[in-house]
Amino acid sequence: MNEERRKSLTRALDLIEDARNIVDEIKGEEEEAFENLPESMQSGDKGEKAQAAIEALSEAYDALDNAIEHISTAKE
């Protein structure tokens, strides 16, 4: 791989890492918001939606982490 493509992949990695950090931050905020709900709301519709969002954000984080790993391998 030539230097120009490596630089482009480095830019892509930086953007994906930024996205991963944003997703992680929002996931943490959503977890905190869920934990601060009264127990009756945690088991209700609002709590279920929060848990679904947390799970989706966790999966998105993992996917971004995998993308970083694969792109890093490609850069070698």
C-alpha atoms as a PDB file:
ATOM      1  CA  MET A   1       0.000   0.000   0.000  1.00  0.00           C
ATOM      2  CA  ASN A   2       1.375   3.384  -0.910  1.00  0.00           C
ATOM      3  CA  GLU A   3       1.821   6.307   1.482  1.00  0.00           C
ATOM      4  CA  GLU A   4      -1.126   8.303   0.108  1.00  0.00           C
ATOM      5  CA  ARG A   5      -3.562   5.461   0.772  1.00  0.00           C
ATOM      6  CA  ARG A   6      -2.083   4.923   4.235  1.00  0.00           C
ATOM      7  CA  LYS A   7      -2.645   8.608   5.022  1.00  0.00           C
ATOM      8  CA  SER A   8      -6.248   8.309   3.825  1.00  0.00           C
ATOM      9  CA  LEU A   9      -6.753   5.265   6.047  1.00  0.00           C
ATOM     10  CA  THR A  10      -5.230   7.156   8.968  1.00  0.00           C
ATOM     11  CA  ARG A  11      -7.794   9.934   8.414  1.00  0.00           C
ATOM     12  CA  ALA A  12     -10.550   7.323   8.275  1.00  0.00           C
ATOM     13  CA  LEU A  13      -9.282   5.740  11.506  1.00  0.00           C
ATOM     14  CA  ASP A  14      -9.284   9.129  13.237  1.00  0.00           C
ATOM     15  CA  LEU A  15     -12.897   9.734  12.189  1.00  0.00           C
ATOM     16  CA  ILE A  16     -14.023   6.265  13.237  1.00  0.00           C
ATOM     17  CA  GLU A  17     -12.255   6.622  16.586  1.00  0.00           C
ATOM     18  CA  ASP A  18     -14.032   9.962  17.114  1.00  0.00           C
ATOM     19  CA  ALA A  19     -17.357   8.315  16.257  1.00  0.00           C
ATOM     20  CA  ARG A  20     -16.619   5.409  18.609  1.00  0.00           C
ATOM     21  CA  ASN A  21     -15.839   7.844  21.439  1.00  0.00           C
ATOM     22  CA  ILE A  22     -19.069   9.772  20.810  1.00  0.00           C
ATOM     23  CA  VAL A  23     -21.106   6.557  20.787  1.00  0.00           C
ATOM     24  CA  ASP A  24     -19.432   5.432  24.021  1.00  0.00           C
ATOM     25  CA  GLU A  25     -20.137   8.771  25.697  1.00  0.00           C
ATOM     26  CA  ILE A  26     -23.796   8.748  24.682  1.00  0.00           C
ATOM     27  CA  LYS A  27     -24.151   5.109  25.767  1.00  0.00           C
ATOM     28  CA  GLY A  28     -22.792   6.056  29.191  1.00  0.00           C
ATOM     29  CA  GLU A  29     -25.212   8.961  29.444  1.00  0.00           C
ATOM     30  CA  GLU A  30     -28.126   6.708  28.442  1.00  0.00           C
ATOM     31  CA  GLU A  31     -27.073   4.100  31.029  1.00  0.00           C
ATOM     32  CA  GLU A  32     -26.938   6.788  33.701  1.00  0.00           C
ATOM     33  CA  ALA A  33     -30.348   8.130  32.676  1.00  0.00           C
ATOM     34  CA  PHE A  34     -31.793   4.602  32.849  1.00  0.00           C
ATOM     35  CA  GLU A  35     -30.291   3.999  36.287  1.00  0.00           C
ATOM     36  CA  ASN A  36     -31.803   7.259  37.525  1.00  0.00           C
ATOM     37  CA  LEU A  37     -35.312   6.229  36.453  1.00  0.00           C
ATOM     38  CA  PRO A  38     -37.620   5.007  39.195  1.00  0.00           C
ATOM     39  CA  GLU A  39     -37.882   1.208  39.215  1.00  0.00           C
ATOM     40  CA  SER A  40     -41.453   1.354  37.972  1.00  0.00           C
ATOM     41  CA  MET A  41     -40.316   3.286  34.892  1.00  0.00           C
ATOM     42  CA  GLN A  42     -37.283   1.058  34.311  1.00  0.00           C
ATOM     43  CA  SER A  43     -39.580  -1.892  33.725  1.00  0.00           C
ATOM     44  CA  GLY A  44     -42.034   0.165  31.691  1.00  0.00           C
ATOM     45  CA  ASP A  45     -42.028   1.359  28.099  1.00  0.00           C
ATOM     46  CA  LYS A  46     -39.528   4.141  28.730  1.00  0.00           C
ATOM     47  CA  GLY A  47     -37.102   1.764  30.421  1.00  0.00           C
ATOM     48  CA  GLU A  48     -37.425  -0.792  27.644  1.00  0.00           C
ATOM     49  CA  LYS A  49     -36.689   1.863  25.027  1.00  0.00           C
ATOM     50  CA  ALA A  50     -33.659   3.020  27.001  1.00  0.00           C
ATOM     51  CA  GLN A  51     -32.365  -0.554  27.296  1.00  0.00           C
ATOM     52  CA  ALA A  52     -32.856  -1.104  23.556  1.00  0.00           C
ATOM     53  CA  ALA A  53     -30.921   2.103  22.837  1.00  0.00           C
ATOM     54  CA  ILE A  54     -28.117   1.052  25.194  1.00  0.00           C
ATOM     55  CA  GLU A  55     -27.877  -2.335  23.508  1.00  0.00           C
ATOM     56  CA  ALA A  56     -27.854  -0.786  20.029  1.00  0.00           C
ATOM     57  CA  LEU A  57     -25.162   1.688  21.047  1.00  0.00           C
ATOM     58  CA  SER A  58     -23.088  -1.129  22.518  1.00  0.00           C
ATOM     59  CA  GLU A  59     -23.344  -3.042  19.245  1.00  0.00           C
ATOM     60  CA  ALA A  60     -22.440   0.088  17.285  1.00  0.00           C
ATOM     61  CA  TYR A  61     -19.397   0.609  19.520  1.00  0.00           C
ATOM     62  CA  ASP A  62     -18.288  -2.972  18.907  1.00  0.00           C
ATOM     63  CA  ALA A  63     -18.764  -2.589  15.151  1.00  0.00           C
ATOM     64  CA  LEU A  64     -16.690   0.598  15.129  1.00  0.00           C
ATOM     65  CA  ASP A  65     -14.039  -1.150  17.213  1.00  0.00           C
ATOM     66  CA  ASN A  66     -13.954  -3.987  14.672  1.00  0.00           C
ATOM     67  CA  ALA A  67     -13.673  -1.496  11.817  1.00  0.00           C
ATOM     68  CA  ILE A  68     -10.691   0.125  13.534  1.00  0.00           C
ATOM     69  CA  GLU A  69      -9.036  -3.258  13.950  1.00  0.00           C
ATOM     70  CA  HIS A  70      -9.576  -4.248  10.299  1.00  0.00           C
ATOM     71  CA  ILE A  71      -8.429  -0.916   8.895  1.00  0.00           C
ATOM     72  CA  SER A  72      -5.357  -0.985  11.120  1.00  0.00           C
ATOM     73  CA  THR A  73      -4.535  -4.435   9.769  1.00  0.00           C
ATOM     74  CA  ALA A  74      -4.987  -3.206   6.203  1.00  0.00           C
ATOM     75  CA  LYS A  75      -2.566  -0.324   6.846  1.00  0.00           C
ATOM     76  CA  GLU A  76       0.278  -2.654   7.840  1.00  0.00           C
END
